[in-house]
C-alpha atoms as a PDB file:
ATOM      1  CA  MET A   1      -2.335 -67.191  26.956  1.00  0.00           C
ATOM      2  CA  PRO A   2      -3.256 -63.624  27.905  1.00  0.00           C
ATOM      3  CA  THR A   3      -2.333 -60.725  25.613  1.00  0.00           C
ATOM      4  CA  VAL A   4      -0.003 -58.153  27.136  1.00  0.00           C
ATOM      5  CA  LEU A   5      -0.024 -54.576  25.872  1.00  0.00           C
ATOM      6  CA  ARG A   6       3.158 -52.620  26.294  1.00  0.00           C
ATOM      7  CA  GLN A   7       3.825 -48.919  25.895  1.00  0.00           C
ATOM      8  CA  THR A   8       7.344 -49.495  24.667  1.00  0.00           C
ATOM      9  CA  SER A   9       8.998 -52.222  22.755  1.00  0.00           C
ATOM     10  CA  THR A  10      11.784 -54.366  23.987  1.00  0.00           C
ATOM     11  CA  SER A  11      14.630 -55.644  21.984  1.00  0.00           C
ATOM     12  CA  ALA A  12      15.982 -59.156  21.922  1.00  0.00           C
ATOM     13  CA  SER A  13      18.872 -58.069  24.097  1.00  0.00           C
ATOM     14  CA  PRO A  14      18.562 -58.090  27.865  1.00  0.00           C
ATOM     15  CA  THR A  15      18.268 -54.271  27.864  1.00  0.00           C
ATOM     16  CA  THR A  16      14.750 -52.873  27.840  1.00  0.00           C
ATOM     17  CA  THR A  17      13.603 -49.434  26.928  1.00  0.00           C
ATOM     18  CA  ALA A  18      11.851 -47.400  29.599  1.00  0.00           C
ATOM     19  CA  PRO A  19       8.587 -45.700  28.735  1.00  0.00           C
ATOM     20  CA  ARG A  20       9.109 -42.293  27.203  1.00  0.00           C
ATOM     21  CA  THR A  21       7.486 -39.299  28.719  1.00  0.00           C
ATOM     22  CA  THR A  22       7.035 -35.925  27.167  1.00  0.00           C
ATOM     23  CA  ALA A  23       7.382 -32.879  29.326  1.00  0.00           C
ATOM     24  CA  THR A  24       4.597 -30.425  29.007  1.00  0.00           C
ATOM     25  CA  THR A  25       5.100 -26.769  29.536  1.00  0.00           C
ATOM     26  CA  SER A  26       2.501 -24.249  30.360  1.00  0.00           C
ATOM     27  CA  PRO A  27       1.770 -21.915  27.486  1.00  0.00           C
ATOM     28  CA  THR A  28       3.624 -18.661  27.632  1.00  0.00           C
ATOM     29  CA  GLU A  29       1.847 -15.440  26.872  1.00  0.00           C
ATOM     30  CA  ALA A  30       2.505 -14.642  23.231  1.00  0.00           C
ATOM     31  CA  ALA A  31       3.007 -11.129  22.021  1.00  0.00           C
ATOM     32  CA  PRO A  32      -0.088  -9.715  20.348  1.00  0.00           C
ATOM     33  CA  PRO A  33      -0.028  -9.964  16.563  1.00  0.00           C
ATOM     34  CA  PRO A  34       0.968  -6.821  14.690  1.00  0.00           C
ATOM     35  CA  PRO A  35      -1.917  -4.697  13.471  1.00  0.00           C
ATOM     36  CA  ALA A  36      -3.330  -5.725  10.139  1.00  0.00           C
ATOM     37  CA  PRO A  37      -2.051  -3.584   7.270  1.00  0.00           C
ATOM     38  CA  VAL A  38      -4.384  -0.695   6.633  1.00  0.00           C
ATOM     39  CA  ALA A  39      -4.103   1.203   3.379  1.00  0.00           C
ATOM     40  CA  SER A  40      -5.571   4.679   3.344  1.00  0.00           C
ATOM     41  CA  CYS A  41      -4.718   8.091   1.964  1.00  0.00           C
ATOM     42  CA  SER A  42      -5.729  11.699   1.712  1.00  0.00           C
ATOM     43  CA  VAL A  43      -5.274  14.109  -1.190  1.00  0.00           C
ATOM     44  CA  ARG A  44      -5.288  17.861  -1.658  1.00  0.00           C
ATOM     45  CA  TYR A  45      -5.541  19.150  -5.244  1.00  0.00           C
ATOM     46  CA  ASP A  46      -4.432  22.727  -5.910  1.00  0.00           C
ATOM     47  CA  ILE A  47      -4.370  24.632  -9.178  1.00  0.00           C
ATOM     48  CA  THR A  48      -1.445  26.974  -8.564  1.00  0.00           C
ATOM     49  CA  ASP A  49      -1.351  28.860 -11.871  1.00  0.00           C
ATOM     50  CA  SER A  50      -3.603  29.228 -14.878  1.00  0.00           C
ATOM     51  CA  TRP A  51      -3.459  30.867 -18.311  1.00  0.00           C
ATOM     52  CA  PRO A  52      -5.633  30.573 -21.414  1.00  0.00           C
ATOM     53  CA  ASN A  53      -5.904  26.844 -22.146  1.00  0.00           C
ATOM     54  CA  GLY A  54      -3.213  25.813 -19.607  1.00  0.00           C
ATOM     55  CA  PHE A  55      -2.526  25.388 -15.905  1.00  0.00           C
ATOM     56  CA  THR A  56      -0.108  24.178 -13.232  1.00  0.00           C
ATOM     57  CA  ALA A  57      -1.398  21.966 -10.429  1.00  0.00           C
ATOM     58  CA  ASN A  58      -0.073  20.149  -7.377  1.00  0.00           C
ATOM     59  CA  VAL A  59      -1.462  16.943  -5.945  1.00  0.00           C
ATOM     60  CA  TYR A  60      -0.442  16.415  -2.298  1.00  0.00           C
ATOM     61  CA  VAL A  61      -0.865  12.712  -1.566  1.00  0.00           C
ATOM     62  CA  THR A  62      -0.500  11.537   2.054  1.00  0.00           C
ATOM     63  CA  ASN A  63      -0.141   7.906   3.114  1.00  0.00           C
ATOM     64  CA  THR A  64      -2.490   7.800   6.128  1.00  0.00           C
ATOM     65  CA  GLY A  65      -2.258   4.016   6.430  1.00  0.00           C
ATOM     66  CA  ASN A  66       0.025   1.990   8.689  1.00  0.00           C
ATOM     67  CA  GLN A  67       2.232   0.411   6.037  1.00  0.00           C
ATOM     68  CA  ALA A  68       4.954   1.719   3.749  1.00  0.00           C
ATOM     69  CA  LEU A  69       4.131   1.784   0.048  1.00  0.00           C
ATOM     70  CA  ASN A  70       7.043   0.849  -2.198  1.00  0.00           C
ATOM     71  CA  PRO A  71       6.548   1.720  -4.979  1.00  0.00           C
ATOM     72  CA  TRP A  72       3.461   3.908  -4.997  1.00  0.00           C
ATOM     73  CA  THR A  73       1.049   4.813  -7.798  1.00  0.00           C
ATOM     74  CA  ALA A  74      -1.515   7.612  -7.663  1.00  0.00           C
ATOM     75  CA  THR A  75      -4.441   7.955 -10.079  1.00  0.00           C
ATOM     76  CA  TRP A  76      -7.217  10.463 -10.705  1.00  0.00           C
ATOM     77  CA  ASN A  77      -9.740  11.473 -13.347  1.00  0.00           C
ATOM     78  CA  PHE A  78     -10.290  14.713 -15.194  1.00  0.00           C
ATOM     79  CA  THR A  79     -13.877  15.653 -16.012  1.00  0.00           C
ATOM     80  CA  ALA A  80     -13.443  18.227 -18.803  1.00  0.00           C
ATOM     81  CA  GLY A  81     -10.864  16.761 -21.182  1.00  0.00           C
ATOM     82  CA  GLN A  82      -7.751  18.160 -19.468  1.00  0.00           C
ATOM     83  CA  GLN A  83      -4.398  16.701 -20.511  1.00  0.00           C
ATOM     84  CA  VAL A  84      -1.185  16.436 -18.484  1.00  0.00           C
ATOM     85  CA  THR A  85       1.704  17.790 -20.564  1.00  0.00           C
ATOM     86  CA  HIS A  86       4.622  17.606 -18.106  1.00  0.00           C
ATOM     87  CA  SER A  87       5.123  16.356 -14.526  1.00  0.00           C
ATOM     88  CA  TRP A  88       7.612  16.336 -11.673  1.00  0.00           C
ATOM     89  CA  ASN A  89       7.963  14.058  -8.626  1.00  0.00           C
ATOM     90  CA  GLY A  90       6.190  11.342 -10.611  1.00  0.00           C
ATOM     91  CA  ASP A  91       6.104   9.772 -14.081  1.00  0.00           C
ATOM     92  CA  PHE A  92       2.714  10.272 -15.713  1.00  0.00           C
ATOM     93  CA  SER A  93       0.690   8.442 -18.288  1.00  0.00           C
ATOM     94  CA  GLN A  94      -2.830   9.295 -19.376  1.00  0.00           C
ATOM     95  CA  SER A  95      -5.542   7.293 -21.068  1.00  0.00           C
ATOM     96  CA  GLY A  96      -8.625   9.369 -21.824  1.00  0.00           C
ATOM     97  CA  SER A  97      -9.586  11.140 -18.624  1.00  0.00           C
ATOM     98  CA  ARG A  98      -7.591   8.762 -16.370  1.00  0.00           C
ATOM     99  CA  VAL A  99      -4.151   9.968 -15.181  1.00  0.00           C
ATOM    100  CA  THR A 100      -1.657   7.583 -13.597  1.00  0.00           C
ATOM    101  CA  MET A 101       1.339   8.964 -11.752  1.00  0.00           C
ATOM    102  CA  LYS A 102       4.062   6.512 -10.687  1.00  0.00           C
ATOM    103  CA  ALA A 103       6.925   6.880  -8.233  1.00  0.00           C
ATOM    104  CA  VAL A 104      10.313   7.955  -9.577  1.00  0.00           C
ATOM    105  CA  SER A 105      13.742   6.765  -8.425  1.00  0.00           C
ATOM    106  CA  TYR A 106      14.182   9.401  -5.711  1.00  0.00           C
ATOM    107  CA  ASN A 107      10.766   8.921  -4.047  1.00  0.00           C
ATOM    108  CA  LEU A 108       9.892   5.247  -4.505  1.00  0.00           C
ATOM    109  CA  SER A 109       8.715   4.669  -0.947  1.00  0.00           C
ATOM    110  CA  MET A 110       6.001   6.383   1.092  1.00  0.00           C
ATOM    111  CA  ALA A 111       6.228   5.650   4.808  1.00  0.00           C
ATOM    112  CA  PRO A 112       3.075   6.062   6.908  1.00  0.00           C
ATOM    113  CA  GLY A 113       2.452   9.779   7.401  1.00  0.00           C
ATOM    114  CA  THR A 114       4.519  10.770   4.352  1.00  0.00           C
ATOM    115  CA  THR A 115       3.191  13.328   1.862  1.00  0.00           C
ATOM    116  CA  ILE A 116       4.415  13.502  -1.721  1.00  0.00           C
ATOM    117  CA  ASP A 117       3.882  16.676  -3.754  1.00  0.00           C
ATOM    118  CA  ILE A 118       3.222  15.677  -7.369  1.00  0.00           C
ATOM    119  CA  GLY A 119       3.290  18.634  -9.727  1.00  0.00           C
ATOM    120  CA  PHE A 120       2.263  18.921 -13.336  1.00  0.00           C
ATOM    121  CA  ASN A 121       1.383  21.250 -16.165  1.00  0.00           C
ATOM    122  CA  GLY A 122      -1.726  20.612 -18.182  1.00  0.00           C
ATOM    123  CA  SER A 123      -3.863  21.895 -20.979  1.00  0.00           C
ATOM    124  CA  PHE A 124      -7.627  22.305 -21.325  1.00  0.00           C
ATOM    125  CA  SER A 125     -10.152  23.513 -23.832  1.00  0.00           C
ATOM    126  CA  ARG A 126     -13.540  23.111 -22.095  1.00  0.00           C
ATOM    127  CA  GLY A 127     -12.846  24.542 -18.648  1.00  0.00           C
ATOM    128  CA  ASN A 128     -10.669  23.276 -15.827  1.00  0.00           C
ATOM    129  CA  PRO A 129     -12.637  21.834 -12.917  1.00  0.00           C
ATOM    130  CA  ALA A 130     -10.736  19.994 -10.171  1.00  0.00           C
ATOM    131  CA  ALA A 131      -9.740  16.379 -10.740  1.00  0.00           C
ATOM    132  CA  VAL A 132     -11.769  13.660  -8.976  1.00  0.00           C
ATOM    133  CA  GLY A 133     -11.522   9.996  -7.967  1.00  0.00           C
ATOM    134  CA  PHE A 134      -8.050   9.975  -6.416  1.00  0.00           C
ATOM    135  CA  THR A 135      -6.493   6.640  -5.444  1.00  0.00           C
ATOM    136  CA  LEU A 136      -3.153   5.556  -4.002  1.00  0.00           C
ATOM    137  CA  ASN A 137      -2.075   2.010  -4.877  1.00  0.00           C
ATOM    138  CA  GLY A 138      -5.688   1.260  -5.763  1.00  0.00           C
ATOM    139  CA  VAL A 139      -7.204   2.581  -2.512  1.00  0.00           C
ATOM    140  CA  ARG A 140      -9.632   5.483  -2.753  1.00  0.00           C
ATOM    141  CA  CYS A 141      -8.312   8.627  -1.076  1.00  0.00           C
ATOM    142  CA  GLN A 142     -10.169  11.147   1.009  1.00  0.00           C
ATOM    143  CA  THR A 143     -10.042  14.574  -0.607  1.00  0.00           C
ATOM    144  CA  THR A 144      -9.172  17.388   1.771  1.00  0.00           C
END
């Protein structure tokens, strides 16, 4: 007896099942994917006042990337033993020469193109050169 191959099965009842077909559609043009997140930043460091063994400075940090940062954290290094003594527009901590400034409740998010002005008072005993090595959320910033 010859073997018969069927595309569909039949049941024991007199009703048979017709072969199933799947409709194919032509691919539609998909929207291009969004740009990959790019993290970048720029920084301007200004000493705005100075007195014997103390100073006031502003760090202007700009999010030049294409994604919002929420929250943000800025860091930098002092090269002559300077110490932050008080800050505004950010909560500071310092370990050796490394300063970390974190967002506060009223400025948690930095949209692309946003600049935050972080201010602080500091002390020094061996001179007061500009801070170096600025980062924003771990990404090295361009100093302007």
